[in-house]
Protein backbone atom coordinates (compact mmCIF):
# COMPACT_ATOMS: atom_id res chain seq x y z
CA MET A 1 3.04 -116.12 -37.38
CA SER A 2 6.00 -113.75 -37.62
CA GLN A 3 4.28 -111.91 -40.47
CA ARG A 4 1.19 -111.45 -38.29
CA ARG A 5 3.31 -110.10 -35.42
CA HIS A 6 5.01 -107.72 -37.84
CA SER A 7 1.61 -106.51 -39.05
CA LEU A 8 0.36 -105.96 -35.48
CA TRP A 9 3.54 -104.07 -34.61
CA ALA A 10 3.19 -101.90 -37.72
CA GLN A 11 -0.36 -101.00 -36.65
CA ALA A 12 0.59 -100.38 -33.02
CA LEU A 13 3.76 -98.36 -33.66
CA PRO A 14 2.13 -95.06 -34.73
CA LEU A 15 -0.43 -95.26 -31.91
CA LEU A 16 2.33 -95.89 -29.37
CA ALA A 17 4.31 -93.02 -30.91
CA VAL A 18 1.45 -90.55 -30.37
CA LEU A 19 0.84 -91.80 -26.83
CA GLY A 20 4.57 -91.54 -26.15
CA SER A 21 4.64 -88.02 -27.56
CA VAL A 22 1.74 -86.84 -25.38
CA THR A 23 3.23 -88.52 -22.29
CA ALA A 24 6.71 -87.11 -22.90
CA LEU A 25 5.28 -83.63 -23.34
CA GLY A 26 3.41 -83.96 -20.06
CA LEU A 27 6.43 -85.31 -18.20
CA GLY A 28 8.68 -82.57 -19.56
CA THR A 29 6.24 -79.81 -18.65
CA SER A 30 5.69 -81.25 -15.17
CA LEU A 31 9.46 -81.29 -14.68
CA ALA A 32 9.70 -77.73 -16.02
CA LYS A 33 7.38 -76.50 -13.25
CA SER A 34 10.04 -77.55 -10.73
CA LEU A 35 12.23 -74.76 -12.13
CA PHE A 36 9.66 -72.02 -11.52
CA PRO A 37 10.85 -71.24 -7.95
CA GLN A 38 14.43 -70.76 -9.19
CA VAL A 39 14.09 -69.00 -12.57
CA GLY A 40 10.36 -68.33 -12.96
CA SER A 41 8.17 -69.26 -15.90
CA LEU A 42 9.99 -66.84 -18.21
CA GLY A 43 13.39 -68.30 -17.43
CA THR A 44 12.02 -71.83 -17.78
CA SER A 45 10.55 -70.98 -21.20
CA ALA A 46 13.91 -69.61 -22.27
CA LEU A 47 15.71 -72.78 -21.20
CA ARG A 48 13.22 -75.06 -22.89
CA LEU A 49 13.15 -73.23 -26.21
CA GLY A 50 16.86 -72.41 -26.23
CA PHE A 51 18.01 -75.98 -25.67
CA SER A 52 15.22 -77.39 -27.88
CA ALA A 53 16.41 -75.23 -30.77
CA LEU A 54 20.01 -76.35 -30.28
CA LEU A 55 19.03 -80.02 -30.13
CA LEU A 56 16.90 -79.86 -33.28
CA LEU A 57 19.53 -77.86 -35.16
CA LEU A 58 22.03 -80.62 -34.38
CA ILE A 59 19.58 -83.37 -35.33
CA TRP A 60 18.17 -81.90 -38.55
CA ARG A 61 20.96 -79.55 -39.74
CA PRO A 62 18.46 -77.35 -41.62
CA TRP A 63 21.21 -75.47 -43.47
CA ARG A 64 21.34 -78.46 -45.84
CA TRP A 65 18.06 -77.33 -47.46
CA ALA A 66 17.44 -74.20 -49.46
CA LEU A 67 14.57 -71.78 -48.79
CA ARG A 68 12.26 -70.32 -51.41
CA PRO A 69 11.64 -66.58 -51.72
CA GLY A 70 9.17 -65.61 -49.01
CA ASP A 71 10.03 -68.53 -46.74
CA GLY A 72 12.07 -66.29 -44.45
CA ALA A 73 9.11 -64.05 -43.59
CA ALA A 74 6.85 -67.09 -43.16
CA LEU A 75 9.36 -68.72 -40.80
CA LEU A 76 9.62 -65.50 -38.82
CA ARG A 77 5.85 -65.36 -38.25
CA TYR A 78 5.73 -69.10 -37.50
CA GLY A 79 8.59 -68.95 -35.01
CA VAL A 80 7.36 -65.85 -33.18
CA ALA A 81 3.91 -67.45 -32.78
CA LEU A 82 5.54 -70.63 -31.45
CA GLY A 83 7.70 -68.67 -29.01
CA CYS A 84 4.81 -66.58 -27.69
CA MET A 85 2.63 -69.70 -27.38
CA ASN A 86 5.22 -71.37 -25.15
CA LEU A 87 5.86 -68.21 -23.14
CA LEU A 88 2.19 -67.55 -22.43
CA PHE A 89 1.46 -71.21 -21.69
CA TYR A 90 4.25 -71.38 -19.10
CA GLN A 91 2.98 -68.12 -17.62
CA SER A 92 -0.45 -69.71 -17.23
CA LEU A 93 1.08 -72.69 -15.39
CA GLN A 94 2.13 -70.42 -12.55
CA THR A 95 -1.46 -70.34 -11.29
CA LEU A 96 -3.44 -72.93 -13.30
CA PRO A 97 -3.43 -76.74 -13.05
CA PHE A 98 -1.59 -78.28 -15.99
CA GLY A 99 -4.57 -80.18 -17.40
CA ILE A 100 -6.84 -77.12 -17.23
CA ALA A 101 -4.27 -74.93 -19.00
CA VAL A 102 -3.95 -77.50 -21.81
CA ALA A 103 -7.74 -77.76 -22.15
CA ILE A 104 -8.07 -73.98 -22.48
CA GLU A 105 -5.18 -73.84 -24.96
CA PHE A 106 -6.94 -76.44 -27.15
CA SER A 107 -9.56 -73.80 -28.00
CA GLY A 108 -7.02 -72.29 -30.42
CA PRO A 109 -6.80 -75.14 -32.95
CA LEU A 110 -10.53 -75.81 -32.57
CA ALA A 111 -11.24 -72.18 -33.49
CA VAL A 112 -9.05 -72.55 -36.58
CA ALA A 113 -10.95 -75.68 -37.60
CA LEU A 114 -14.26 -73.85 -37.19
CA TYR A 115 -13.07 -70.81 -39.16
CA PHE A 116 -12.08 -72.90 -42.16
CA SER A 117 -15.04 -75.27 -41.90
CA ARG A 118 -18.12 -75.22 -44.11
CA ARG A 119 -19.87 -78.11 -42.37
CA TRP A 120 -22.46 -77.87 -39.61
CA ILE A 121 -21.00 -80.77 -37.61
CA ASP A 122 -17.90 -78.73 -36.76
CA PHE A 123 -20.12 -76.20 -34.99
CA VAL A 124 -21.28 -79.07 -32.77
CA TRP A 125 -17.68 -79.86 -31.81
CA PHE A 126 -16.92 -76.21 -31.22
CA GLY A 127 -20.07 -75.95 -29.09
CA LEU A 128 -18.81 -78.79 -26.90
CA ALA A 129 -15.51 -76.95 -26.49
CA VAL A 130 -17.35 -73.75 -25.54
CA VAL A 131 -19.37 -75.64 -22.92
CA GLY A 132 -16.12 -77.10 -21.59
CA LEU A 133 -14.57 -73.63 -21.37
CA ALA A 134 -17.68 -72.25 -19.68
CA LEU A 135 -17.37 -74.90 -16.98
CA ILE A 136 -13.83 -73.88 -16.04
CA LEU A 137 -13.54 -70.16 -16.82
CA PRO A 138 -13.60 -68.05 -13.63
CA ILE A 139 -16.87 -66.28 -14.48
CA GLY A 140 -18.79 -65.45 -11.35
CA GLN A 141 -16.61 -67.74 -9.24
CA ALA A 142 -15.55 -66.76 -5.77
CA GLY A 143 -13.50 -68.23 -2.99
CA SER A 144 -10.40 -70.39 -3.12
CA GLY A 145 -11.83 -73.87 -3.64
CA VAL A 146 -10.74 -76.41 -6.20
CA ASP A 147 -13.09 -74.91 -8.81
CA ALA A 148 -11.72 -71.37 -8.45
CA LEU A 149 -9.26 -70.40 -11.20
CA ASP A 150 -6.99 -67.39 -11.34
CA PRO A 151 -8.30 -64.95 -14.01
CA THR A 152 -4.77 -63.87 -14.95
CA GLY A 153 -3.73 -67.48 -15.50
CA VAL A 154 -6.80 -68.06 -17.65
CA ALA A 155 -5.96 -64.96 -19.69
CA TYR A 156 -2.45 -66.29 -20.30
CA ALA A 157 -3.85 -69.68 -21.37
CA LEU A 158 -6.29 -68.00 -23.76
CA GLY A 159 -3.40 -65.94 -25.15
CA ALA A 160 -1.50 -69.19 -25.70
CA ALA A 161 -4.57 -70.54 -27.54
CA VAL A 162 -4.55 -67.51 -29.87
CA CYS A 163 -0.84 -68.05 -30.54
CA TRP A 164 -1.44 -71.77 -31.20
CA ALA A 165 -4.07 -70.81 -33.76
CA ALA A 166 -1.61 -68.39 -35.40
CA TYR A 167 1.10 -71.07 -35.31
CA ILE A 168 -1.19 -73.46 -37.24
CA VAL A 169 -2.16 -70.84 -39.83
CA PHE A 170 1.43 -69.69 -40.37
CA GLY A 171 2.67 -73.28 -40.40
CA LYS A 172 0.45 -74.07 -43.40
CA LYS A 173 2.52 -71.58 -45.40
CA LEU A 174 5.54 -73.82 -44.79
CA GLY A 175 3.90 -77.09 -45.80
CA HIS A 176 6.28 -77.50 -48.75
CA LEU A 177 9.29 -77.72 -46.43
CA HIS A 178 10.54 -80.92 -44.79
CA ALA A 179 9.09 -81.13 -41.27
CA GLY A 180 12.52 -81.24 -39.65
CA HIS A 181 13.57 -78.21 -41.67
CA SER A 182 10.63 -76.01 -40.69
CA VAL A 183 10.52 -77.13 -37.05
CA ALA A 184 14.26 -76.63 -36.47
CA LEU A 185 14.24 -73.14 -37.99
CA GLY A 186 10.91 -72.26 -36.38
CA LEU A 187 12.17 -73.25 -32.94
CA SER A 188 15.32 -71.22 -33.55
CA VAL A 189 13.21 -68.13 -34.23
CA ALA A 190 11.10 -68.95 -31.16
CA ALA A 191 14.24 -69.20 -29.04
CA LEU A 192 15.51 -65.85 -30.32
CA THR A 193 12.13 -64.39 -29.36
CA VAL A 194 11.92 -65.85 -25.85
CA VAL A 195 15.50 -66.31 -24.58
CA PRO A 196 16.19 -62.54 -24.20
CA VAL A 197 13.01 -62.22 -22.12
CA GLY A 198 14.05 -65.14 -19.91
CA VAL A 199 17.59 -63.79 -19.46
CA TRP A 200 16.19 -60.36 -18.56
CA HIS A 201 13.92 -61.94 -15.95
CA ALA A 202 16.13 -64.64 -14.41
CA GLY A 203 19.64 -63.33 -15.09
CA THR A 204 22.56 -65.40 -13.84
CA ALA A 205 20.22 -67.86 -12.10
CA LEU A 206 19.93 -69.54 -15.50
CA LEU A 207 23.62 -70.46 -15.34
CA GLN A 208 23.37 -72.68 -12.26
CA PRO A 209 24.57 -76.19 -13.23
CA GLU A 210 21.48 -77.88 -11.79
CA VAL A 211 19.17 -75.47 -13.64
CA LEU A 212 21.03 -75.98 -16.93
CA LEU A 213 20.89 -79.77 -16.55
CA ILE A 214 17.15 -79.78 -15.88
CA GLY A 215 16.71 -77.35 -18.78
CA VAL A 216 18.41 -79.78 -21.18
CA VAL A 217 16.26 -82.67 -19.94
CA VAL A 218 13.08 -80.58 -20.25
CA ALA A 219 14.02 -79.58 -23.80
CA ALA A 220 14.73 -83.16 -24.83
CA VAL A 221 11.65 -84.67 -23.18
CA SER A 222 9.09 -81.95 -23.96
CA SER A 223 10.27 -80.87 -27.43
CA ALA A 224 12.80 -83.02 -29.28
CA LEU A 225 11.30 -86.39 -28.29
CA PRO A 226 7.59 -85.50 -28.86
CA ILE A 227 8.33 -83.89 -32.22
CA SER A 228 10.30 -86.93 -33.37
CA LEU A 229 7.56 -89.32 -32.23
CA GLU A 230 4.86 -87.23 -33.90
CA MET A 231 6.77 -87.35 -37.18
CA VAL A 232 6.87 -91.17 -36.90
CA ALA A 233 3.11 -91.24 -36.31
CA LEU A 234 2.21 -88.75 -39.05
CA LYS A 235 3.95 -90.90 -41.65
CA ARG A 236 1.80 -93.91 -40.73
CA LEU A 237 -1.55 -92.49 -39.58
CA PRO A 238 -4.27 -90.59 -41.43
CA PRO A 239 -4.75 -87.05 -40.09
CA SER A 240 -8.05 -87.98 -38.44
CA ALA A 241 -6.52 -90.81 -36.39
CA PHE A 242 -3.59 -88.60 -35.41
CA GLY A 243 -5.96 -85.82 -34.35
CA ILE A 244 -8.06 -88.20 -32.28
CA MET A 245 -4.99 -89.58 -30.51
CA ILE A 246 -3.50 -86.14 -29.83
CA SER A 247 -6.79 -85.11 -28.21
CA LEU A 248 -5.72 -87.28 -25.26
CA GLU A 249 -3.24 -84.57 -24.26
CA PRO A 250 -5.44 -82.69 -21.73
CA ALA A 251 -6.32 -85.89 -19.85
CA VAL A 252 -2.74 -87.19 -19.88
CA ALA A 253 -1.54 -83.79 -18.66
CA ALA A 254 -4.09 -83.77 -15.84
CA LEU A 255 -3.23 -87.33 -14.76
CA LEU A 256 0.51 -86.65 -14.77
CA ALA A 257 0.00 -83.41 -12.84
CA LEU A 258 -2.10 -85.31 -10.32
CA GLN A 259 0.63 -87.90 -9.78
CA LEU A 260 3.73 -85.69 -10.04
CA LEU A 261 2.51 -82.28 -8.85
CA ASN A 262 -0.48 -83.26 -6.69
CA GLU A 263 -2.75 -80.95 -8.69
CA GLN A 264 -6.28 -81.93 -7.67
CA LEU A 265 -9.18 -81.25 -10.04
CA SER A 266 -12.89 -81.14 -9.30
CA THR A 267 -15.50 -83.28 -11.01
CA THR A 268 -16.61 -80.24 -13.02
CA GLN A 269 -13.06 -79.63 -14.24
CA TRP A 270 -12.63 -83.27 -15.26
CA LEU A 271 -15.92 -82.99 -17.16
CA ALA A 272 -14.63 -79.86 -18.92
CA ILE A 273 -11.46 -81.69 -19.96
CA GLY A 274 -13.57 -84.58 -21.26
CA LEU A 275 -15.70 -82.23 -23.36
CA THR A 276 -12.58 -80.60 -24.80
CA MET A 277 -11.15 -83.99 -25.72
CA LEU A 278 -14.42 -85.06 -27.33
CA ALA A 279 -14.54 -81.83 -29.33
CA ALA A 280 -10.95 -82.24 -30.55
CA ALA A 281 -11.41 -85.91 -31.45
CA GLY A 282 -14.72 -85.30 -33.22
CA CYS A 283 -13.32 -82.36 -35.15
CA ALA A 284 -10.36 -84.46 -36.33
CA ALA A 285 -12.55 -87.38 -37.36
CA THR A 286 -15.09 -85.37 -39.33
CA ALA A 287 -12.41 -83.20 -40.93
CA GLN A 288 -10.91 -86.28 -42.57
CA ARG A 289 -14.32 -87.48 -43.77
CA GLY A 290 -15.02 -84.07 -45.24
CA THR A 291 -11.68 -84.14 -47.07
CA ALA A 292 -12.37 -87.62 -48.44
CA ALA A 293 -15.87 -86.62 -49.59
CA THR A 294 -14.62 -83.60 -51.56
CA SER A 295 -11.61 -85.32 -53.13
């Protein structure tokens, strides 16, 4: 009996880790929005990335590992892409609902999957994502109803999607490094990219004790904890299962924003989020099958 319970726990642990990662990221980002009135999205980005880098440097101590020739330039590109992705995403949250911003941002990794794909089925998944985007992009929309989205916010979210795509491509160049090594150094570069911008924008407001405390909590909940949980899951799940689970992020973000921020979405917007999730999950599942078939 105990062996059976151990087996069930071993199967459930990685799934719970991914769900915990997605939930923590949503909670941290929802909390981060509470700082916008005091330090703006730029200052909030600086706090999140600055404290996240410090936390992961303390946890992983990346100076213990050596770098190969060329790793420095690769880490620079990787970190700058990560920093810009966070900066643009937080900018989009000023005017977009959380779940919608995440759904738009998901177009980045889906575009990367399509670019490197040689299978027709991936074009189906990308088509679903395009339909989802078409349902929520502010093309021909007017008025101030629930369906109306700010074009500037959408542009920021699309910029974050481009940076996410670049982050994935540049991250592949660092695949030989330990995950803690590359993430800690990458976040440090991201912090060096974003913190000066946040300090320039928010100034001494960043030094308020309450702001600093919330910044530390946001960094721990939305960066350090999700990354650690994802590493637990990746060790125990095939990439396809991990990709399918992580596709829950837009829906979890929307539900948390509904409960914590009272961000109401229309039926059309929920449908768009569902299409994005289906596209991400399908792409992850078929990618693994394609890998298995060619190996």
